[in-house]
Amino acid sequence: MRVLKYRRASRCEELNQQGCVEVANGPGFVAVRDSTDRNGPVILVTRRNWQRLMQAVNSEAL
């Protein structure tokens, strides 16, 4: 079993915010969890869908 290494989302780091999401790269997916509840649920998203989500978020932020 592979242990995922989570990191805080880069946008949260930029804004120095608490209560953001953490992400981890898995084999063919990105795992997303709440940084305030590390034992809580995890959402798994395909890499392609993660890229699409990040493109959409970034285009809205401009």
PDB file of N, CA and C in Angstrom:
ATOM      1  N   MET A   1       0.846  -1.182   0.000  1.00  0.00           N
ATOM      2  CA  MET A   1       0.000   0.000   0.000  1.00  0.00           C
ATOM      3  C   MET A   1       0.889   1.242   0.000  1.00  0.00           C
ATOM      4  N   ARG A   2       0.590   2.152  -0.884  1.00  0.00           N
ATOM      5  CA  ARG A   2       1.359   3.385  -1.020  1.00  0.00           C
ATOM      6  C   ARG A   2       0.785   4.469  -0.103  1.00  0.00           C
ATOM      7  N   VAL A   3       1.654   5.145   0.624  1.00  0.00           N
ATOM      8  CA  VAL A   3       1.229   6.257   1.474  1.00  0.00           C
ATOM      9  C   VAL A   3       1.360   7.543   0.669  1.00  0.00           C
ATOM     10  N   LEU A   4       0.303   8.315   0.636  1.00  0.00           N
ATOM     11  CA  LEU A   4       0.307   9.563  -0.117  1.00  0.00           C
ATOM     12  C   LEU A   4       0.951  10.676   0.702  1.00  0.00           C
ATOM     13  N   LYS A   5       1.680  11.531   0.022  1.00  0.00           N
ATOM     14  CA  LYS A   5       2.315  12.674   0.670  1.00  0.00           C
ATOM     15  C   LYS A   5       1.519  13.931   0.302  1.00  0.00           C
ATOM     16  N   TYR A   6       0.778  14.446   1.272  1.00  0.00           N
ATOM     17  CA  TYR A   6      -0.072  15.607   1.045  1.00  0.00           C
ATOM     18  C   TYR A   6       0.715  16.901   1.204  1.00  0.00           C
ATOM     19  N   ARG A   7       0.268  17.914   0.468  1.00  0.00           N
ATOM     20  CA  ARG A   7       0.800  19.266   0.589  1.00  0.00           C
ATOM     21  C   ARG A   7      -0.376  20.236   0.500  1.00  0.00           C
ATOM     22  N   ARG A   8      -0.200  21.392   1.112  1.00  0.00           N
ATOM     23  CA  ARG A   8      -1.267  22.402   1.036  1.00  0.00           C
ATOM     24  C   ARG A   8      -1.346  22.938  -0.382  1.00  0.00           C
ATOM     25  N   ALA A   9      -2.541  23.250  -0.807  1.00  0.00           N
ATOM     26  CA  ALA A   9      -2.738  23.810  -2.140  1.00  0.00           C
ATOM     27  C   ALA A   9      -1.934  25.100  -2.264  1.00  0.00           C
ATOM     28  N   SER A  10      -1.329  25.312  -3.416  1.00  0.00           N
ATOM     29  CA  SER A  10      -0.453  26.473  -3.617  1.00  0.00           C
ATOM     30  C   SER A  10      -1.188  27.794  -3.397  1.00  0.00           C
ATOM     31  N   ARG A  11      -2.435  27.859  -3.761  1.00  0.00           N
ATOM     32  CA  ARG A  11      -3.200  29.104  -3.567  1.00  0.00           C
ATOM     33  C   ARG A  11      -3.326  29.433  -2.079  1.00  0.00           C
ATOM     34  N   CYS A  12      -3.503  28.431  -1.249  1.00  0.00           N
ATOM     35  CA  CYS A  12      -3.585  28.652   0.195  1.00  0.00           C
ATOM     36  C   CYS A  12      -2.253  29.159   0.732  1.00  0.00           C
ATOM     37  N   GLU A  13      -1.166  28.620   0.212  1.00  0.00           N
ATOM     38  CA  GLU A  13       0.159  29.077   0.624  1.00  0.00           C
ATOM     39  C   GLU A  13       0.364  30.536   0.230  1.00  0.00           C
ATOM     40  N   GLU A  14      -0.054  30.899  -0.980  1.00  0.00           N
ATOM     41  CA  GLU A  14       0.088  32.280  -1.453  1.00  0.00           C
ATOM     42  C   GLU A  14      -0.659  33.253  -0.550  1.00  0.00           C
ATOM     43  N   LEU A  15      -1.848  32.874  -0.129  1.00  0.00           N
ATOM     44  CA  LEU A  15      -2.692  33.752   0.672  1.00  0.00           C
ATOM     45  C   LEU A  15      -2.479  33.563   2.170  1.00  0.00           C
ATOM     46  N   ASN A  16      -1.650  32.587   2.542  1.00  0.00           N
ATOM     47  CA  ASN A  16      -1.367  32.262   3.942  1.00  0.00           C
ATOM     48  C   ASN A  16      -2.666  32.031   4.720  1.00  0.00           C
ATOM     49  N   GLN A  17      -3.524  31.211   4.159  1.00  0.00           N
ATOM     50  CA  GLN A  17      -4.829  30.934   4.761  1.00  0.00           C
ATOM     51  C   GLN A  17      -4.813  29.631   5.545  1.00  0.00           C
ATOM     52  N   GLN A  18      -5.667  29.583   6.540  1.00  0.00           N
ATOM     53  CA  GLN A  18      -5.901  28.350   7.292  1.00  0.00           C
ATOM     54  C   GLN A  18      -7.169  27.704   6.738  1.00  0.00           C
ATOM     55  N   GLY A  19      -7.336  26.419   6.974  1.00  0.00           N
ATOM     56  CA  GLY A  19      -8.561  25.745   6.561  1.00  0.00           C
ATOM     57  C   GLY A  19      -8.686  25.563   5.061  1.00  0.00           C
ATOM     58  N   CYS A  20      -7.605  25.271   4.412  1.00  0.00           N
ATOM     59  CA  CYS A  20      -7.610  25.051   2.964  1.00  0.00           C
ATOM     60  C   CYS A  20      -7.603  23.556   2.659  1.00  0.00           C
ATOM     61  N   VAL A  21      -7.457  23.245   1.405  1.00  0.00           N
ATOM     62  CA  VAL A  21      -7.353  21.842   1.025  1.00  0.00           C
ATOM     63  C   VAL A  21      -5.895  21.430   0.909  1.00  0.00           C
ATOM     64  N   GLU A  22      -5.679  20.139   1.056  1.00  0.00           N
ATOM     65  CA  GLU A  22      -4.370  19.541   0.821  1.00  0.00           C
ATOM     66  C   GLU A  22      -4.528  18.569  -0.335  1.00  0.00           C
ATOM     67  N   VAL A  23      -3.505  18.456  -1.151  1.00  0.00           N
ATOM     68  CA  VAL A  23      -3.549  17.574  -2.302  1.00  0.00           C
ATOM     69  C   VAL A  23      -2.349  16.634  -2.288  1.00  0.00           C
ATOM     70  N   ALA A  24      -2.537  15.473  -2.888  1.00  0.00           N
ATOM     71  CA  ALA A  24      -1.460  14.491  -3.012  1.00  0.00           C
ATOM     72  C   ALA A  24      -1.589  13.809  -4.365  1.00  0.00           C
ATOM     73  N   ASN A  25      -0.459  13.577  -5.001  1.00  0.00           N
ATOM     74  CA  ASN A  25      -0.453  12.871  -6.279  1.00  0.00           C
ATOM     75  C   ASN A  25      -0.419  11.375  -6.033  1.00  0.00           C
ATOM     76  N   GLY A  26      -1.337  10.681  -6.661  1.00  0.00           N
ATOM     77  CA  GLY A  26      -1.357   9.232  -6.613  1.00  0.00           C
ATOM     78  C   GLY A  26      -1.148   8.694  -8.014  1.00  0.00           C
ATOM     79  N   PRO A  27      -1.125   7.378  -8.153  1.00  0.00           N
ATOM     80  CA  PRO A  27      -0.950   6.785  -9.481  1.00  0.00           C
ATOM     81  C   PRO A  27      -2.203   6.980 -10.341  1.00  0.00           C
ATOM     82  N   GLY A  28      -2.190   8.022 -11.172  1.00  0.00           N
ATOM     83  CA  GLY A  28      -3.321   8.294 -12.050  1.00  0.00           C
ATOM     84  C   GLY A  28      -4.411   9.144 -11.451  1.00  0.00           C
ATOM     85  N   PHE A  29      -4.212   9.660 -10.250  1.00  0.00           N
ATOM     86  CA  PHE A  29      -5.235  10.483  -9.612  1.00  0.00           C
ATOM     87  C   PHE A  29      -4.595  11.530  -8.719  1.00  0.00           C
ATOM     88  N   VAL A  30      -5.423  12.491  -8.317  1.00  0.00           N
ATOM     89  CA  VAL A  30      -5.049  13.477  -7.312  1.00  0.00           C
ATOM     90  C   VAL A  30      -6.018  13.296  -6.155  1.00  0.00           C
ATOM     91  N   ALA A  31      -5.487  13.180  -4.949  1.00  0.00           N
ATOM     92  CA  ALA A  31      -6.306  13.052  -3.739  1.00  0.00           C
ATOM     93  C   ALA A  31      -6.434  14.434  -3.108  1.00  0.00           C
ATOM     94  N   VAL A  32      -7.646  14.768  -2.665  1.00  0.00           N
ATOM     95  CA  VAL A  32      -7.916  16.076  -2.074  1.00  0.00           C
ATOM     96  C   VAL A  32      -8.590  15.855  -0.721  1.00  0.00           C
ATOM     97  N   ARG A  33      -8.096  16.586   0.302  1.00  0.00           N
ATOM     98  CA  ARG A  33      -8.709  16.480   1.628  1.00  0.00           C
ATOM     99  C   ARG A  33      -8.706  17.848   2.296  1.00  0.00           C
ATOM    100  N   ASP A  34      -9.499  17.980   3.333  1.00  0.00           N
ATOM    101  CA  ASP A  34      -9.591  19.206   4.122  1.00  0.00           C
ATOM    102  C   ASP A  34      -8.402  19.257   5.077  1.00  0.00           C
ATOM    103  N   SER A  35      -7.689  20.372   5.088  1.00  0.00           N
ATOM    104  CA  SER A  35      -6.502  20.474   5.946  1.00  0.00           C
ATOM    105  C   SER A  35      -6.857  20.515   7.428  1.00  0.00           C
ATOM    106  N   THR A  36      -8.106  20.841   7.758  1.00  0.00           N
ATOM    107  CA  THR A  36      -8.492  20.899   9.169  1.00  0.00           C
ATOM    108  C   THR A  36      -9.024  19.557   9.677  1.00  0.00           C
ATOM    109  N   ASP A  37      -9.237  18.597   8.784  1.00  0.00           N
ATOM    110  CA  ASP A  37      -9.742  17.269   9.166  1.00  0.00           C
ATOM    111  C   ASP A  37      -8.989  16.210   8.376  1.00  0.00           C
ATOM    112  N   ARG A  38      -7.751  15.990   8.738  1.00  0.00           N
ATOM    113  CA  ARG A  38      -6.887  15.081   7.975  1.00  0.00           C
ATOM    114  C   ARG A  38      -7.314  13.623   8.024  1.00  0.00           C
ATOM    115  N   ASN A  39      -8.169  13.269   8.954  1.00  0.00           N
ATOM    116  CA  ASN A  39      -8.683  11.903   9.017  1.00  0.00           C
ATOM    117  C   ASN A  39     -10.066  11.792   8.396  1.00  0.00           C
ATOM    118  N   GLY A  40     -10.533  12.895   7.823  1.00  0.00           N
ATOM    119  CA  GLY A  40     -11.858  12.920   7.214  1.00  0.00           C
ATOM    120  C   GLY A  40     -11.846  12.339   5.814  1.00  0.00           C
ATOM    121  N   PRO A  41     -12.907  12.570   5.084  1.00  0.00           N
ATOM    122  CA  PRO A  41     -13.036  12.016   3.735  1.00  0.00           C
ATOM    123  C   PRO A  41     -12.004  12.590   2.768  1.00  0.00           C
ATOM    124  N   VAL A  42     -11.714  11.807   1.751  1.00  0.00           N
ATOM    125  CA  VAL A  42     -10.777  12.180   0.689  1.00  0.00           C
ATOM    126  C   VAL A  42     -11.511  12.041  -0.636  1.00  0.00           C
ATOM    127  N   ILE A  43     -11.330  13.018  -1.502  1.00  0.00           N
ATOM    128  CA  ILE A  43     -11.903  12.968  -2.845  1.00  0.00           C
ATOM    129  C   ILE A  43     -10.784  12.595  -3.803  1.00  0.00           C
ATOM    130  N   LEU A  44     -11.022  11.613  -4.650  1.00  0.00           N
ATOM    131  CA  LEU A  44     -10.058  11.223  -5.676  1.00  0.00           C
ATOM    132  C   LEU A  44     -10.548  11.726  -7.023  1.00  0.00           C
ATOM    133  N   VAL A  45      -9.656  12.422  -7.735  1.00  0.00           N
ATOM    134  CA  VAL A  45      -9.990  13.024  -9.019  1.00  0.00           C
ATOM    135  C   VAL A  45      -8.946  12.567 -10.032  1.00  0.00           C
ATOM    136  N   THR A  46      -9.385  12.210 -11.240  1.00  0.00           N
ATOM    137  CA  THR A  46      -8.404  11.850 -12.261  1.00  0.00           C
ATOM    138  C   THR A  46      -7.507  13.049 -12.525  1.00  0.00           C
ATOM    139  N   ARG A  47      -6.291  12.788 -12.975  1.00  0.00           N
ATOM    140  CA  ARG A  47      -5.356  13.889 -13.260  1.00  0.00           C
ATOM    141  C   ARG A  47      -5.934  14.852 -14.302  1.00  0.00           C
ATOM    142  N   ARG A  48      -6.559  14.315 -15.315  1.00  0.00           N
ATOM    143  CA  ARG A  48      -7.136  15.160 -16.374  1.00  0.00           C
ATOM    144  C   ARG A  48      -8.229  16.063 -15.818  1.00  0.00           C
ATOM    145  N   ASN A  49      -9.102  15.505 -15.003  1.00  0.00           N
ATOM    146  CA  ASN A  49     -10.165  16.317 -14.420  1.00  0.00           C
ATOM    147  C   ASN A  49      -9.606  17.339 -13.436  1.00  0.00           C
ATOM    148  N   TRP A  50      -8.533  17.002 -12.727  1.00  0.00           N
ATOM    149  CA  TRP A  50      -7.888  17.953 -11.835  1.00  0.00           C
ATOM    150  C   TRP A  50      -7.333  19.130 -12.648  1.00  0.00           C
ATOM    151  N   GLN A  51      -6.694  18.820 -13.775  1.00  0.00           N
ATOM    152  CA  GLN A  51      -6.170  19.877 -14.633  1.00  0.00           C
ATOM    153  C   GLN A  51      -7.293  20.791 -15.119  1.00  0.00           C
ATOM    154  N   ARG A  52      -8.399  20.200 -15.513  1.00  0.00           N
ATOM    155  CA  ARG A  52      -9.551  20.988 -15.970  1.00  0.00           C
ATOM    156  C   ARG A  52     -10.083  21.882 -14.849  1.00  0.00           C
ATOM    157  N   LEU A  53     -10.170  21.332 -13.659  1.00  0.00           N
ATOM    158  CA  LEU A  53     -10.637  22.110 -12.513  1.00  0.00           C
ATOM    159  C   LEU A  53      -9.695  23.283 -12.246  1.00  0.00           C
ATOM    160  N   MET A  54      -8.397  23.038 -12.255  1.00  0.00           N
ATOM    161  CA  MET A  54      -7.431  24.098 -11.983  1.00  0.00           C
ATOM    162  C   MET A  54      -7.470  25.172 -13.074  1.00  0.00           C
ATOM    163  N   GLN A  55      -7.671  24.771 -14.319  1.00  0.00           N
ATOM    164  CA  GLN A  55      -7.808  25.748 -15.404  1.00  0.00           C
ATOM    165  C   GLN A  55      -9.039  26.629 -15.179  1.00  0.00           C
ATOM    166  N   ALA A  56     -10.132  26.015 -14.792  1.00  0.00           N
ATOM    167  CA  ALA A  56     -11.362  26.765 -14.548  1.00  0.00           C
ATOM    168  C   ALA A  56     -11.196  27.721 -13.366  1.00  0.00           C
ATOM    169  N   VAL A  57     -10.591  27.249 -12.295  1.00  0.00           N
ATOM    170  CA  VAL A  57     -10.368  28.098 -11.113  1.00  0.00           C
ATOM    171  C   VAL A  57      -9.446  29.252 -11.467  1.00  0.00           C
ATOM    172  N   ASN A  58      -8.364  28.966 -12.163  1.00  0.00           N
ATOM    173  CA  ASN A  58      -7.410  30.020 -12.525  1.00  0.00           C
ATOM    174  C   ASN A  58      -8.013  31.043 -13.467  1.00  0.00           C
ATOM    175  N   SER A  59      -8.872  30.620 -14.389  1.00  0.00           N
ATOM    176  CA  SER A  59      -9.485  31.581 -15.303  1.00  0.00           C
ATOM    177  C   SER A  59     -10.484  32.482 -14.568  1.00  0.00           C
ATOM    178  N   GLU A  60     -11.115  31.968 -13.516  1.00  0.00           N
ATOM    179  CA  GLU A  60     -12.045  32.770 -12.716  1.00  0.00           C
ATOM    180  C   GLU A  60     -11.303  33.750 -11.815  1.00  0.00           C
ATOM    181  N   ALA A  61     -10.076  33.401 -11.424  1.00  0.00           N
ATOM    182  CA  ALA A  61      -9.306  34.235 -10.504  1.00  0.00           C
ATOM    183  C   ALA A  61      -8.721  35.452 -11.199  1.00  0.00           C
ATOM    184  N   LEU A  62      -8.656  35.426 -12.521  1.00  0.00           N
ATOM    185  CA  LEU A  62      -8.039  36.553 -13.247  1.00  0.00           C
ATOM    186  C   LEU A  62      -8.935  37.714 -13.342  1.00  0.00           C
TER     187      LEU A  62
END
